[in-house]
Amino acid sequence: MNQEQVKEKLLEIDSDIEDFSLIFSGKTSRKVNGLYYPERKEIIIHNRNFDDDNLLIYTAIHEFAHHVHHSRSVLPVPAKAHTNEFWIIFQKLLIDAENKGIYKNIFKTNKDFIDLSREIKENYLLKNADLMKGFGRLLLKAIDLCHVHKVRFEDYVDRELLMARNTADIMVKSYTMNINPEIGFDNMKILSRVTDDDERRKFESDILSGKTQEMVKADLSKNKKSVDTMELLEKERKRIQRTIERLQDKLEQIDEKIKELI
C-alpha cells in the first residue's frame, strides 16, 4: 500500500476535513511509527517499521486523528496532544474504519485474543461486577438496620467496614438501579450517576456495543450540559413570567385609578 492509497483510505473514514499531506519517510524508527506536524498539516509514516498493512493503517488513523483534532478544535490544542478529546476522536475513527472494512480489529478477529477476552470478561469482569452489585444489596440491608437502631450508616461504613463512602454509595446504586453487570464494575460506577432509567439503559447498550469509557463520559457530559442549560432557561422563563404577572397587576391598578379620575 503506497502513501496515496493510505490517504484515500483515511478520507473514506472522514472526508469532511481540511486537506493534509501524507508522506512515507522510507525509513525505520525505533522511537515512533508516525508523526503529525499541525503547522504543516502533514502526516509522516515511517513505513519501513511495518510488514503488515493493517498495522500501518492503524498508525495512519492515529496520526489522522491528530489532524482531525487540530482542524476541528474550537480551542487551541494543548502541547500534550494525547488529551481525552484526542482519544475519543481516535476511537471513533477506528470504529468507523472497522465498520467500513478499512481496518481489521485484531482483538475481534484473532482467536487467541477472542478466547482470552472471553475468559477475562466472563470469569473476572462479570463476576466482579456481580459481586459488587450483591455487595450493594447487603449495604442496603445495613442502611435499614442503621435506621432501626438509630445510628448513622456513614459511621458504619467508616468505622466498621473501613471503606470509602462513595464506593459504598456506588454499590448501593448499582443494586437499586439494577445496572447490568455485563458492562463491568468500572462502567457501573459511571452509570450510577445517571438517574434517568431510559438514559442509563441507552448508555448500557452503548457500552455493550463497544463504546469506550471516554466516549460514554463525553456523551454524559454533553447530556449534563444540555440538562443544565434547560434548567437555567426554565428558571429564567419562570422569573420573566412572574415579572410579567406583577406588571400586569400594576397595569390593572393604574387603569382603575384612571377610571376613577375620569
C-alpha atoms as a PDB file:
ATOM      1  CA  MET A   1       0.000   0.000   0.000  1.00  0.00           C
ATOM      2  CA  ASN A   2       1.507   3.351  -1.043  1.00  0.00           C
ATOM      3  CA  GLN A   3       1.027   6.764   0.566  1.00  0.00           C
ATOM      4  CA  GLU A   4      -1.662   7.884  -1.895  1.00  0.00           C
ATOM      5  CA  GLN A   5      -3.704   4.752  -1.162  1.00  0.00           C
ATOM      6  CA  VAL A   6      -3.377   5.293   2.593  1.00  0.00           C
ATOM      7  CA  LYS A   7      -4.607   8.891   2.278  1.00  0.00           C
ATOM      8  CA  GLU A   8      -7.566   7.683   0.203  1.00  0.00           C
ATOM      9  CA  LYS A   9      -8.420   5.192   2.961  1.00  0.00           C
ATOM     10  CA  LEU A  10      -8.313   7.931   5.598  1.00  0.00           C
ATOM     11  CA  LEU A  11     -10.607  10.126   3.521  1.00  0.00           C
ATOM     12  CA  GLU A  12     -13.019   7.208   3.229  1.00  0.00           C
ATOM     13  CA  ILE A  13     -13.283   7.291   7.009  1.00  0.00           C
ATOM     14  CA  ASP A  14     -13.780  11.070   7.196  1.00  0.00           C
ATOM     15  CA  SER A  15     -13.745  13.233   4.075  1.00  0.00           C
ATOM     16  CA  ASP A  16     -15.163  16.429   5.579  1.00  0.00           C
ATOM     17  CA  ILE A  17     -11.816  17.675   6.816  1.00  0.00           C
ATOM     18  CA  GLU A  18      -9.110  20.197   5.925  1.00  0.00           C
ATOM     19  CA  ASP A  19      -6.658  18.955   3.331  1.00  0.00           C
ATOM     20  CA  PHE A  20      -3.463  17.377   4.574  1.00  0.00           C
ATOM     21  CA  SER A  21      -0.425  15.642   3.178  1.00  0.00           C
ATOM     22  CA  LEU A  22       0.658  12.098   3.997  1.00  0.00           C
ATOM     23  CA  ILE A  23       4.257  11.104   3.379  1.00  0.00           C
ATOM     24  CA  PHE A  24       6.096   7.807   3.723  1.00  0.00           C
ATOM     25  CA  SER A  25       9.533   8.553   5.165  1.00  0.00           C
ATOM     26  CA  GLY A  26      11.043   5.414   3.638  1.00  0.00           C
ATOM     27  CA  LYS A  27      12.812   4.900   6.971  1.00  0.00           C
ATOM     28  CA  THR A  28      12.586   2.871  10.141  1.00  0.00           C
ATOM     29  CA  SER A  29      12.347   4.482  13.564  1.00  0.00           C
ATOM     30  CA  ARG A  30      12.851   2.922  16.971  1.00  0.00           C
ATOM     31  CA  LYS A  31      11.036   5.820  18.699  1.00  0.00           C
ATOM     32  CA  VAL A  32       7.768   6.286  16.791  1.00  0.00           C
ATOM     33  CA  ASN A  33       5.794   4.787  13.930  1.00  0.00           C
ATOM     34  CA  GLY A  34       4.368   8.108  12.787  1.00  0.00           C
ATOM     35  CA  LEU A  35       4.274  11.857  13.389  1.00  0.00           C
ATOM     36  CA  TYR A  36       1.885  14.731  12.771  1.00  0.00           C
ATOM     37  CA  TYR A  37       3.015  18.323  12.184  1.00  0.00           C
ATOM     38  CA  PRO A  38      -0.031  20.585  12.738  1.00  0.00           C
ATOM     39  CA  GLU A  39       1.586  23.744  11.379  1.00  0.00           C
ATOM     40  CA  ARG A  40       2.205  21.954   8.050  1.00  0.00           C
ATOM     41  CA  LYS A  41      -0.882  19.695   8.250  1.00  0.00           C
ATOM     42  CA  GLU A  42       1.476  16.850   7.460  1.00  0.00           C
ATOM     43  CA  ILE A  43       1.417  13.197   8.467  1.00  0.00           C
ATOM     44  CA  ILE A  44       4.703  11.283   8.343  1.00  0.00           C
ATOM     45  CA  ILE A  45       4.616   7.487   8.412  1.00  0.00           C
ATOM     46  CA  HIS A  46       7.810   5.511   8.974  1.00  0.00           C
ATOM     47  CA  ASN A  47       6.629   2.839   6.591  1.00  0.00           C
ATOM     48  CA  ARG A  48       9.754   0.699   6.979  1.00  0.00           C
ATOM     49  CA  ASN A  49       8.535  -0.099  10.509  1.00  0.00           C
ATOM     50  CA  PHE A  50       5.727  -2.237   9.065  1.00  0.00           C
ATOM     51  CA  ASP A  51       5.427  -5.528   7.267  1.00  0.00           C
ATOM     52  CA  ASP A  52       1.642  -5.524   7.722  1.00  0.00           C
ATOM     53  CA  ASP A  53      -0.743  -3.075   6.026  1.00  0.00           C
ATOM     54  CA  ASN A  54      -3.259  -3.323   8.861  1.00  0.00           C
ATOM     55  CA  LEU A  55      -0.710  -2.086  11.417  1.00  0.00           C
ATOM     56  CA  LEU A  56       0.334   0.690   9.048  1.00  0.00           C
ATOM     57  CA  ILE A  57      -3.317   1.779   8.661  1.00  0.00           C
ATOM     58  CA  TYR A  58      -3.699   1.790  12.453  1.00  0.00           C
ATOM     59  CA  THR A  59      -0.779   4.219  12.764  1.00  0.00           C
ATOM     60  CA  ALA A  60      -2.118   6.322   9.886  1.00  0.00           C
ATOM     61  CA  ILE A  61      -5.517   6.581  11.625  1.00  0.00           C
ATOM     62  CA  HIS A  62      -3.766   7.610  14.852  1.00  0.00           C
ATOM     63  CA  GLU A  63      -1.926  10.449  13.113  1.00  0.00           C
ATOM     64  CA  PHE A  64      -5.067  11.353  11.146  1.00  0.00           C
ATOM     65  CA  ALA A  65      -6.876  11.703  14.486  1.00  0.00           C
ATOM     66  CA  HIS A  66      -4.353  14.393  15.426  1.00  0.00           C
ATOM     67  CA  HIS A  67      -5.176  16.212  12.179  1.00  0.00           C
ATOM     68  CA  VAL A  68      -8.922  15.960  12.869  1.00  0.00           C
ATOM     69  CA  HIS A  69      -8.360  17.174  16.426  1.00  0.00           C
ATOM     70  CA  HIS A  70      -6.338  20.214  15.352  1.00  0.00           C
ATOM     71  CA  SER A  71      -8.667  21.017  12.457  1.00  0.00           C
ATOM     72  CA  ARG A  72     -11.924  20.915  14.404  1.00  0.00           C
ATOM     73  CA  SER A  73     -10.993  22.022  17.889  1.00  0.00           C
ATOM     74  CA  VAL A  74     -12.509  25.399  18.785  1.00  0.00           C
ATOM     75  CA  LEU A  75      -9.762  25.994  21.336  1.00  0.00           C
ATOM     76  CA  PRO A  76      -6.018  25.649  20.682  1.00  0.00           C
ATOM     77  CA  VAL A  77      -4.889  22.040  21.119  1.00  0.00           C
ATOM     78  CA  PRO A  78      -2.562  21.811  24.155  1.00  0.00           C
ATOM     79  CA  ALA A  79       1.066  20.794  23.895  1.00  0.00           C
ATOM     80  CA  LYS A  80       0.097  17.451  25.392  1.00  0.00           C
ATOM     81  CA  ALA A  81      -1.615  16.238  22.237  1.00  0.00           C
ATOM     82  CA  HIS A  82      -2.986  12.980  23.653  1.00  0.00           C
ATOM     83  CA  THR A  83      -5.908  14.526  25.526  1.00  0.00           C
ATOM     84  CA  ASN A  84      -9.235  12.832  26.285  1.00  0.00           C
ATOM     85  CA  GLU A  85     -10.689  14.663  23.292  1.00  0.00           C
ATOM     86  CA  PHE A  86      -7.991  13.167  21.067  1.00  0.00           C
ATOM     87  CA  TRP A  87      -8.631   9.615  22.301  1.00  0.00           C
ATOM     88  CA  ILE A  88     -12.370   9.988  21.670  1.00  0.00           C
ATOM     89  CA  ILE A  89     -11.691  11.166  18.099  1.00  0.00           C
ATOM     90  CA  PHE A  90      -9.212   8.331  17.535  1.00  0.00           C
ATOM     91  CA  GLN A  91     -11.541   5.668  18.934  1.00  0.00           C
ATOM     92  CA  LYS A  92     -14.450   6.875  16.798  1.00  0.00           C
ATOM     93  CA  LEU A  93     -12.266   6.846  13.690  1.00  0.00           C
ATOM     94  CA  LEU A  94     -11.149   3.288  14.467  1.00  0.00           C
ATOM     95  CA  ILE A  95     -14.770   2.141  14.868  1.00  0.00           C
ATOM     96  CA  ASP A  96     -15.740   3.775  11.561  1.00  0.00           C
ATOM     97  CA  ALA A  97     -12.699   2.279   9.834  1.00  0.00           C
ATOM     98  CA  GLU A  98     -13.556  -1.156  11.201  1.00  0.00           C
ATOM     99  CA  ASN A  99     -17.188  -0.862  10.083  1.00  0.00           C
ATOM    100  CA  LYS A 100     -16.054   0.131   6.581  1.00  0.00           C
ATOM    101  CA  GLY A 101     -13.556  -2.737   6.341  1.00  0.00           C
ATOM    102  CA  ILE A 102     -10.577  -0.376   6.198  1.00  0.00           C
ATOM    103  CA  TYR A 103      -9.096  -1.572   9.473  1.00  0.00           C
ATOM    104  CA  LYS A 104      -9.257  -5.037  11.000  1.00  0.00           C
ATOM    105  CA  ASN A 105      -9.576  -5.119  14.788  1.00  0.00           C
ATOM    106  CA  ILE A 106      -7.207  -7.889  15.906  1.00  0.00           C
ATOM    107  CA  PHE A 107      -8.981  -8.118  19.277  1.00  0.00           C
ATOM    108  CA  LYS A 108     -12.159  -9.180  17.459  1.00  0.00           C
ATOM    109  CA  THR A 109     -10.579 -11.395  14.794  1.00  0.00           C
ATOM    110  CA  ASN A 110      -7.642 -13.186  16.427  1.00  0.00           C
ATOM    111  CA  LYS A 111      -8.712 -16.415  18.162  1.00  0.00           C
ATOM    112  CA  ASP A 112      -6.149 -16.073  20.954  1.00  0.00           C
ATOM    113  CA  PHE A 113      -7.426 -12.585  21.820  1.00  0.00           C
ATOM    114  CA  ILE A 114     -11.054 -13.670  21.486  1.00  0.00           C
ATOM    115  CA  ASP A 115     -10.570 -16.599  23.875  1.00  0.00           C
ATOM    116  CA  LEU A 116      -8.577 -14.520  26.369  1.00  0.00           C
ATOM    117  CA  SER A 117     -11.117 -11.669  26.305  1.00  0.00           C
ATOM    118  CA  ARG A 118     -13.971 -14.131  26.863  1.00  0.00           C
ATOM    119  CA  GLU A 119     -12.203 -15.613  29.891  1.00  0.00           C
ATOM    120  CA  ILE A 120     -11.438 -12.193  31.379  1.00  0.00           C
ATOM    121  CA  LYS A 121     -14.946 -10.858  30.801  1.00  0.00           C
ATOM    122  CA  GLU A 122     -16.847 -13.935  31.982  1.00  0.00           C
ATOM    123  CA  ASN A 123     -14.637 -15.053  34.882  1.00  0.00           C
ATOM    124  CA  TYR A 124     -13.423 -11.722  36.207  1.00  0.00           C
ATOM    125  CA  LEU A 125     -15.149  -8.565  34.918  1.00  0.00           C
ATOM    126  CA  LEU A 126     -18.670 -10.010  35.073  1.00  0.00           C
ATOM    127  CA  LYS A 127     -18.123 -11.923  38.314  1.00  0.00           C
ATOM    128  CA  ASN A 128     -16.528  -8.900  39.986  1.00  0.00           C
ATOM    129  CA  ALA A 129     -19.400  -6.650  38.870  1.00  0.00           C
ATOM    130  CA  ASP A 130     -21.957  -9.225  40.066  1.00  0.00           C
ATOM    131  CA  LEU A 131     -20.146  -9.439  43.390  1.00  0.00           C
ATOM    132  CA  MET A 132     -20.128  -5.645  43.804  1.00  0.00           C
ATOM    133  CA  LYS A 133     -23.826  -5.490  42.926  1.00  0.00           C
ATOM    134  CA  GLY A 134     -24.526  -8.180  45.545  1.00  0.00           C
ATOM    135  CA  PHE A 135     -22.441  -6.145  47.978  1.00  0.00           C
ATOM    136  CA  GLY A 136     -24.816  -3.254  47.281  1.00  0.00           C
ATOM    137  CA  ARG A 137     -27.781  -5.437  48.310  1.00  0.00           C
ATOM    138  CA  LEU A 138     -26.116  -6.132  51.684  1.00  0.00           C
ATOM    139  CA  LEU A 139     -25.275  -2.474  52.167  1.00  0.00           C
ATOM    140  CA  LEU A 140     -28.945  -1.673  51.600  1.00  0.00           C
ATOM    141  CA  LYS A 141     -29.761  -4.063  54.445  1.00  0.00           C
ATOM    142  CA  ALA A 142     -27.176  -2.227  56.539  1.00  0.00           C
ATOM    143  CA  ILE A 143     -28.938   1.079  55.805  1.00  0.00           C
ATOM    144  CA  ASP A 144     -32.240  -0.367  57.044  1.00  0.00           C
ATOM    145  CA  LEU A 145     -30.555  -1.804  60.147  1.00  0.00           C
ATOM    146  CA  CYS A 146     -28.947   1.557  60.917  1.00  0.00           C
ATOM    147  CA  HIS A 147     -32.382   3.211  60.714  1.00  0.00           C
ATOM    148  CA  VAL A 148     -33.822   0.650  63.121  1.00  0.00           C
ATOM    149  CA  HIS A 149     -31.060   1.219  65.676  1.00  0.00           C
ATOM    150  CA  LYS A 150     -30.916   4.979  65.047  1.00  0.00           C
ATOM    151  CA  VAL A 151     -27.251   5.044  64.094  1.00  0.00           C
ATOM    152  CA  ARG A 152     -25.557   6.625  61.077  1.00  0.00           C
ATOM    153  CA  PHE A 153     -24.927   4.414  58.049  1.00  0.00           C
ATOM    154  CA  GLU A 154     -21.875   6.576  57.203  1.00  0.00           C
ATOM    155  CA  ASP A 155     -20.462   5.740  60.628  1.00  0.00           C
ATOM    156  CA  TYR A 156     -20.961   2.021  59.950  1.00  0.00           C
ATOM    157  CA  VAL A 157     -19.166   2.348  56.604  1.00  0.00           C
ATOM    158  CA  ASP A 158     -16.333   4.451  58.058  1.00  0.00           C
ATOM    159  CA  ARG A 159     -15.605   2.656  61.310  1.00  0.00           C
ATOM    160  CA  GLU A 160     -16.843  -0.894  60.878  1.00  0.00           C
ATOM    161  CA  LEU A 161     -16.376  -1.695  57.177  1.00  0.00           C
ATOM    162  CA  LEU A 162     -13.359   0.633  56.820  1.00  0.00           C
ATOM    163  CA  MET A 163     -14.319   1.564  53.275  1.00  0.00           C
ATOM    164  CA  ALA A 164     -14.886   4.769  51.311  1.00  0.00           C
ATOM    165  CA  ARG A 165     -18.403   6.207  51.470  1.00  0.00           C
ATOM    166  CA  ASN A 166     -18.535   6.968  47.744  1.00  0.00           C
ATOM    167  CA  THR A 167     -17.676   3.324  46.953  1.00  0.00           C
ATOM    168  CA  ALA A 168     -20.488   2.163  49.227  1.00  0.00           C
ATOM    169  CA  ASP A 169     -22.846   4.633  47.537  1.00  0.00           C
ATOM    170  CA  ILE A 170     -21.905   3.320  44.071  1.00  0.00           C
ATOM    171  CA  MET A 171     -22.544  -0.282  45.149  1.00  0.00           C
ATOM    172  CA  VAL A 172     -25.953   0.560  46.591  1.00  0.00           C
ATOM    173  CA  LYS A 173     -26.933   2.468  43.441  1.00  0.00           C
ATOM    174  CA  SER A 174     -25.676  -0.382  41.218  1.00  0.00           C
ATOM    175  CA  TYR A 175     -28.075  -2.682  43.055  1.00  0.00           C
ATOM    176  CA  THR A 176     -31.091  -0.370  43.374  1.00  0.00           C
ATOM    177  CA  MET A 177     -30.760   0.834  39.759  1.00  0.00           C
ATOM    178  CA  ASN A 178     -30.293  -2.770  38.599  1.00  0.00           C
ATOM    179  CA  ILE A 179     -27.327  -1.831  36.397  1.00  0.00           C
ATOM    180  CA  ASN A 180     -26.293  -4.630  34.050  1.00  0.00           C
ATOM    181  CA  PRO A 181     -23.099  -6.244  35.479  1.00  0.00           C
ATOM    182  CA  GLU A 182     -22.038  -7.298  31.965  1.00  0.00           C
ATOM    183  CA  ILE A 183     -20.653  -3.795  31.464  1.00  0.00           C
ATOM    184  CA  GLY A 184     -18.150  -4.324  34.323  1.00  0.00           C
ATOM    185  CA  PHE A 185     -17.865  -2.529  37.641  1.00  0.00           C
ATOM    186  CA  ASP A 186     -15.827   0.427  36.327  1.00  0.00           C
ATOM    187  CA  ASN A 187     -18.632   1.236  33.900  1.00  0.00           C
ATOM    188  CA  MET A 188     -21.232   0.585  36.603  1.00  0.00           C
ATOM    189  CA  LYS A 189     -19.542   3.369  38.593  1.00  0.00           C
ATOM    190  CA  ILE A 190     -20.015   5.758  35.679  1.00  0.00           C
ATOM    191  CA  LEU A 191     -23.669   4.862  35.094  1.00  0.00           C
ATOM    192  CA  SER A 192     -24.529   5.058  38.805  1.00  0.00           C
ATOM    193  CA  ARG A 193     -24.536   8.849  38.246  1.00  0.00           C
ATOM    194  CA  VAL A 194     -27.287   8.595  35.624  1.00  0.00           C
ATOM    195  CA  THR A 195     -30.670   8.902  37.345  1.00  0.00           C
ATOM    196  CA  ASP A 196     -32.927   8.578  34.292  1.00  0.00           C
ATOM    197  CA  ASP A 197     -33.691   4.872  33.669  1.00  0.00           C
ATOM    198  CA  ASP A 198     -34.109   5.148  29.885  1.00  0.00           C
ATOM    199  CA  GLU A 199     -30.941   7.192  29.512  1.00  0.00           C
ATOM    200  CA  ARG A 200     -28.996   4.731  31.656  1.00  0.00           C
ATOM    201  CA  ARG A 201     -30.225   1.757  29.594  1.00  0.00           C
ATOM    202  CA  LYS A 202     -29.120   3.567  26.434  1.00  0.00           C
ATOM    203  CA  PHE A 203     -25.612   4.040  27.819  1.00  0.00           C
ATOM    204  CA  GLU A 204     -25.535   0.390  28.921  1.00  0.00           C
ATOM    205  CA  SER A 205     -26.342  -0.572  25.334  1.00  0.00           C
ATOM    206  CA  ASP A 206     -23.651   1.802  24.011  1.00  0.00           C
ATOM    207  CA  ILE A 207     -21.021   0.196  26.269  1.00  0.00           C
ATOM    208  CA  LEU A 208     -22.047  -3.331  25.318  1.00  0.00           C
ATOM    209  CA  SER A 209     -21.864  -2.369  21.633  1.00  0.00           C
ATOM    210  CA  GLY A 210     -18.251  -1.213  22.001  1.00  0.00           C
ATOM    211  CA  LYS A 211     -18.228   2.431  23.076  1.00  0.00           C
ATOM    212  CA  THR A 212     -15.238   3.199  25.265  1.00  0.00           C
ATOM    213  CA  GLN A 213     -15.355   4.871  28.686  1.00  0.00           C
ATOM    214  CA  GLU A 214     -14.019   8.112  27.209  1.00  0.00           C
ATOM    215  CA  MET A 215     -16.801   8.165  24.631  1.00  0.00           C
ATOM    216  CA  VAL A 216     -19.527   7.422  27.185  1.00  0.00           C
ATOM    217  CA  LYS A 217     -18.184  10.052  29.605  1.00  0.00           C
ATOM    218  CA  ALA A 218     -18.170  12.611  26.773  1.00  0.00           C
ATOM    219  CA  ASP A 219     -21.805  11.766  25.931  1.00  0.00           C
ATOM    220  CA  LEU A 220     -22.755  12.051  29.605  1.00  0.00           C
ATOM    221  CA  SER A 221     -21.040  15.439  29.805  1.00  0.00           C
ATOM    222  CA  LYS A 222     -22.971  16.683  26.756  1.00  0.00           C
ATOM    223  CA  ASN A 223     -26.242  15.483  28.245  1.00  0.00           C
ATOM    224  CA  LYS A 224     -25.474  17.155  31.572  1.00  0.00           C
ATOM    225  CA  LYS A 225     -24.685  20.466  29.877  1.00  0.00           C
ATOM    226  CA  SER A 226     -27.932  20.192  27.906  1.00  0.00           C
ATOM    227  CA  VAL A 227     -29.925  19.469  31.078  1.00  0.00           C
ATOM    228  CA  ASP A 228     -28.194  22.299  32.970  1.00  0.00           C
ATOM    229  CA  THR A 229     -28.927  24.725  30.133  1.00  0.00           C
ATOM    230  CA  MET A 230     -32.567  23.620  30.026  1.00  0.00           C
ATOM    231  CA  GLU A 231     -32.913  24.118  33.782  1.00  0.00           C
ATOM    232  CA  LEU A 232     -31.408  27.605  33.563  1.00  0.00           C
ATOM    233  CA  LEU A 233     -33.721  28.551  30.699  1.00  0.00           C
ATOM    234  CA  GLU A 234     -36.741  27.191  32.565  1.00  0.00           C
ATOM    235  CA  LYS A 235     -35.824  29.203  35.682  1.00  0.00           C
ATOM    236  CA  GLU A 236     -35.371  32.344  33.591  1.00  0.00           C
ATOM    237  CA  ARG A 237     -38.704  31.716  31.879  1.00  0.00           C
ATOM    238  CA  LYS A 238     -40.470  31.447  35.250  1.00  0.00           C
ATOM    239  CA  ARG A 239     -38.761  34.595  36.508  1.00  0.00           C
ATOM    240  CA  ILE A 240     -39.857  36.559  33.443  1.00  0.00           C
ATOM    241  CA  GLN A 241     -43.367  35.138  33.724  1.00  0.00           C
ATOM    242  CA  ARG A 242     -43.617  36.298  37.360  1.00  0.00           C
ATOM    243  CA  THR A 243     -42.364  39.742  36.363  1.00  0.00           C
ATOM    244  CA  ILE A 244     -44.980  39.967  33.608  1.00  0.00           C
ATOM    245  CA  GLU A 245     -47.715  38.966  36.051  1.00  0.00           C
ATOM    246  CA  ARG A 246     -46.610  41.632  38.560  1.00  0.00           C
ATOM    247  CA  LEU A 247     -46.504  44.286  35.839  1.00  0.00           C
ATOM    248  CA  GLN A 248     -49.915  43.163  34.596  1.00  0.00           C
ATOM    249  CA  ASP A 249     -51.335  43.600  38.116  1.00  0.00           C
ATOM    250  CA  LYS A 250     -49.751  47.024  38.377  1.00  0.00           C
ATOM    251  CA  LEU A 251     -51.153  47.995  34.977  1.00  0.00           C
ATOM    252  CA  GLU A 252     -54.648  46.973  36.037  1.00  0.00           C
ATOM    253  CA  GLN A 253     -54.349  49.063  39.222  1.00  0.00           C
ATOM    254  CA  ILE A 254     -53.289  52.094  37.180  1.00  0.00           C
ATOM    255  CA  ASP A 255     -56.230  51.553  34.789  1.00  0.00           C
ATOM    256  CA  GLU A 256     -58.608  51.510  37.763  1.00  0.00           C
ATOM    257  CA  LYS A 257     -57.207  54.793  39.070  1.00  0.00           C
ATOM    258  CA  ILE A 258     -57.524  56.368  35.639  1.00  0.00           C
ATOM    259  CA  LYS A 259     -61.200  55.307  35.513  1.00  0.00           C
ATOM    260  CA  GLU A 260     -61.798  56.890  38.919  1.00  0.00           C
ATOM    261  CA  LEU A 261     -60.351  60.180  37.725  1.00  0.00           C
ATOM    262  CA  ILE A 262     -62.406  60.361  34.538  1.00  0.00           C
END
